[in-house]
C-alpha atoms as a PDB file:
ATOM      1  CA  ALA A   1       6.467  72.676-181.431  1.00  0.00           C
ATOM      2  CA  GLN A   2       5.155  75.791-179.521  1.00  0.00           C
ATOM      3  CA  ARG A   3       1.551  74.747-180.514  1.00  0.00           C
ATOM      4  CA  ASP A   4       2.166  71.412-179.084  1.00  0.00           C
ATOM      5  CA  ALA A   5       3.352  72.474-175.975  1.00  0.00           C
ATOM      6  CA  ILE A   6       0.728  74.723-175.049  1.00  0.00           C
ATOM      7  CA  ARG A   7      -2.425  71.908-176.186  1.00  0.00           C
ATOM      8  CA  ARG A   8      -0.176  69.566-173.665  1.00  0.00           C
ATOM      9  CA  ALA A   9       0.268  72.048-171.205  1.00  0.00           C
ATOM     10  CA  LEU A  10      -3.652  72.589-171.475  1.00  0.00           C
ATOM     11  CA  ALA A  11      -4.653  69.321-171.355  1.00  0.00           C
ATOM     12  CA  ARG A  12      -3.124  69.298-167.894  1.00  0.00           C
ATOM     13  CA  LEU A  13      -5.614  71.807-166.647  1.00  0.00           C
ATOM     14  CA  SER A  14      -8.681  71.068-165.225  1.00  0.00           C
ATOM     15  CA  ARG A  15     -11.975  71.397-167.435  1.00  0.00           C
ATOM     16  CA  GLN A  16     -12.893  74.842-165.517  1.00  0.00           C
ATOM     17  CA  GLN A  17      -9.149  76.326-165.586  1.00  0.00           C
ATOM     18  CA  ARG A  18      -8.811  75.235-169.366  1.00  0.00           C
ATOM     19  CA  ALA A  19     -12.206  77.215-170.248  1.00  0.00           C
ATOM     20  CA  VAL A  20     -11.113  80.243-168.064  1.00  0.00           C
ATOM     21  CA  VAL A  21      -7.926  80.136-169.758  1.00  0.00           C
ATOM     22  CA  VAL A  22      -9.446  79.956-173.589  1.00  0.00           C
ATOM     23  CA  LEU A  23     -11.918  82.249-172.737  1.00  0.00           C
ATOM     24  CA  ARG A  24      -9.656  84.983-171.156  1.00  0.00           C
ATOM     25  CA  TYR A  25      -6.969  84.908-173.106  1.00  0.00           C
ATOM     26  CA  ALA A  26      -7.432  83.354-176.549  1.00  0.00           C
ATOM     27  CA  GLU A  27     -10.932  84.883-176.793  1.00  0.00           C
ATOM     28  CA  ASP A  28     -10.011  87.892-174.780  1.00  0.00           C
ATOM     29  CA  LEU A  29     -13.088  88.209-172.567  1.00  0.00           C
ATOM     30  CA  SER A  30     -13.576  90.190-169.495  1.00  0.00           C
ATOM     31  CA  VAL A  31     -13.702  88.236-166.151  1.00  0.00           C
ATOM     32  CA  ALA A  32     -17.258  89.325-166.143  1.00  0.00           C
ATOM     33  CA  GLN A  33     -17.750  88.178-169.572  1.00  0.00           C
ATOM     34  CA  THR A  34     -16.012  84.428-168.459  1.00  0.00           C
ATOM     35  CA  ALA A  35     -18.134  84.511-165.822  1.00  0.00           C
ATOM     36  CA  GLN A  36     -21.426  84.889-167.514  1.00  0.00           C
ATOM     37  CA  VAL A  37     -20.394  82.349-170.249  1.00  0.00           C
ATOM     38  CA  LEU A  38     -19.291  79.718-167.613  1.00  0.00           C
ATOM     39  CA  GLY A  39     -22.322  80.704-165.134  1.00  0.00           C
ATOM     40  CA  CYS A  40     -19.723  81.215-162.158  1.00  0.00           C
ATOM     41  CA  SER A  41     -18.692  83.918-160.228  1.00  0.00           C
ATOM     42  CA  PRO A  42     -16.312  86.680-161.311  1.00  0.00           C
ATOM     43  CA  ASN A  43     -14.414  85.477-158.051  1.00  0.00           C
ATOM     44  CA  THR A  44     -14.375  81.928-159.350  1.00  0.00           C
ATOM     45  CA  VAL A  45     -12.866  82.903-162.828  1.00  0.00           C
ATOM     46  CA  LYS A  46     -10.120  84.816-161.195  1.00  0.00           C
ATOM     47  CA  VAL A  47      -9.246  82.243-158.864  1.00  0.00           C
ATOM     48  CA  GLN A  48      -9.322  79.390-161.650  1.00  0.00           C
ATOM     49  CA  ALA A  49      -7.318  81.643-163.864  1.00  0.00           C
ATOM     50  CA  SER A  50      -4.283  82.346-161.164  1.00  0.00           C
ATOM     51  CA  ARG A  51      -4.149  78.354-160.778  1.00  0.00           C
ATOM     52  CA  ALA A  52      -3.873  77.555-164.131  1.00  0.00           C
ATOM     53  CA  LEU A  53      -1.379  79.911-164.927  1.00  0.00           C
ATOM     54  CA  ALA A  54       0.538  78.738-161.916  1.00  0.00           C
ATOM     55  CA  VAL A  55       0.246  75.182-163.553  1.00  0.00           C
ATOM     56  CA  LEU A  56       1.264  76.740-166.940  1.00  0.00           C
ATOM     57  CA  ARG A  57       4.255  78.739-165.609  1.00  0.00           C
ATOM     58  CA  ALA A  58       5.674  75.825-163.997  1.00  0.00           C
ATOM     59  CA  ASP A  59       5.805  73.800-167.309  1.00  0.00           C
ATOM     60  CA  GLU A  60       9.227  73.702-168.485  1.00  0.00           C
ATOM     61  CA  ALA A  61       8.330  73.304-171.931  1.00  0.00           C
ATOM     62  CA  LEU A  62       6.180  76.580-171.984  1.00  0.00           C
ATOM     63  CA  ARG A  63       9.267  78.505-170.592  1.00  0.00           C
ATOM     64  CA  PRO A  64      10.237  80.329-174.028  1.00  0.00           C
ATOM     65  CA  ILE A  65       6.516  81.737-174.186  1.00  0.00           C
ATOM     66  CA  ASP A  66       6.500  84.875-171.989  1.00  0.00           C
ATOM     67  CA  ILE A  67       3.567  84.666-169.573  1.00  0.00           C
ATOM     68  CA  GLU A  68       3.268  88.127-167.889  1.00  0.00           C
ATOM     69  CA  GLU A  69       0.957  88.831-165.019  1.00  0.00           C
ATOM     70  CA  THR A  70      -0.006  92.160-164.124  1.00  0.00           C
ATOM     71  CA  SER A  71      -2.454  93.408-161.002  1.00  0.00           C
ATOM     72  CA  ASP A  72      -5.591  92.850-163.085  1.00  0.00           C
ATOM     73  CA  GLU A  73      -4.525  90.828-165.781  1.00  0.00           C
ATOM     74  CA  HIS A  74      -2.395  88.153-167.376  1.00  0.00           C
ATOM     75  CA  ARG A  75      -1.348  88.358-170.863  1.00  0.00           C
ATOM     76  CA  ILE A  76       0.300  85.294-172.688  1.00  0.00           C
ATOM     77  CA  ARG A  77       1.959  86.588-175.561  1.00  0.00           C
END
């Protein structure tokens, strides 16, 4: 059930936001590595990750999933 909720939530993100979330948190790439893979700036990665996580945090279906934000990184547990 959680996997389906995550898939539906990810589908609501833009293509770039979805790519950033998958590369940063599922593949555990750094901001610099993610930027290199996507061909964008590290700042773009940070902005897109922040916006994507805001959307995911607002999703009621994902409430049981712990999305933690620290000063430089976000972790989904």
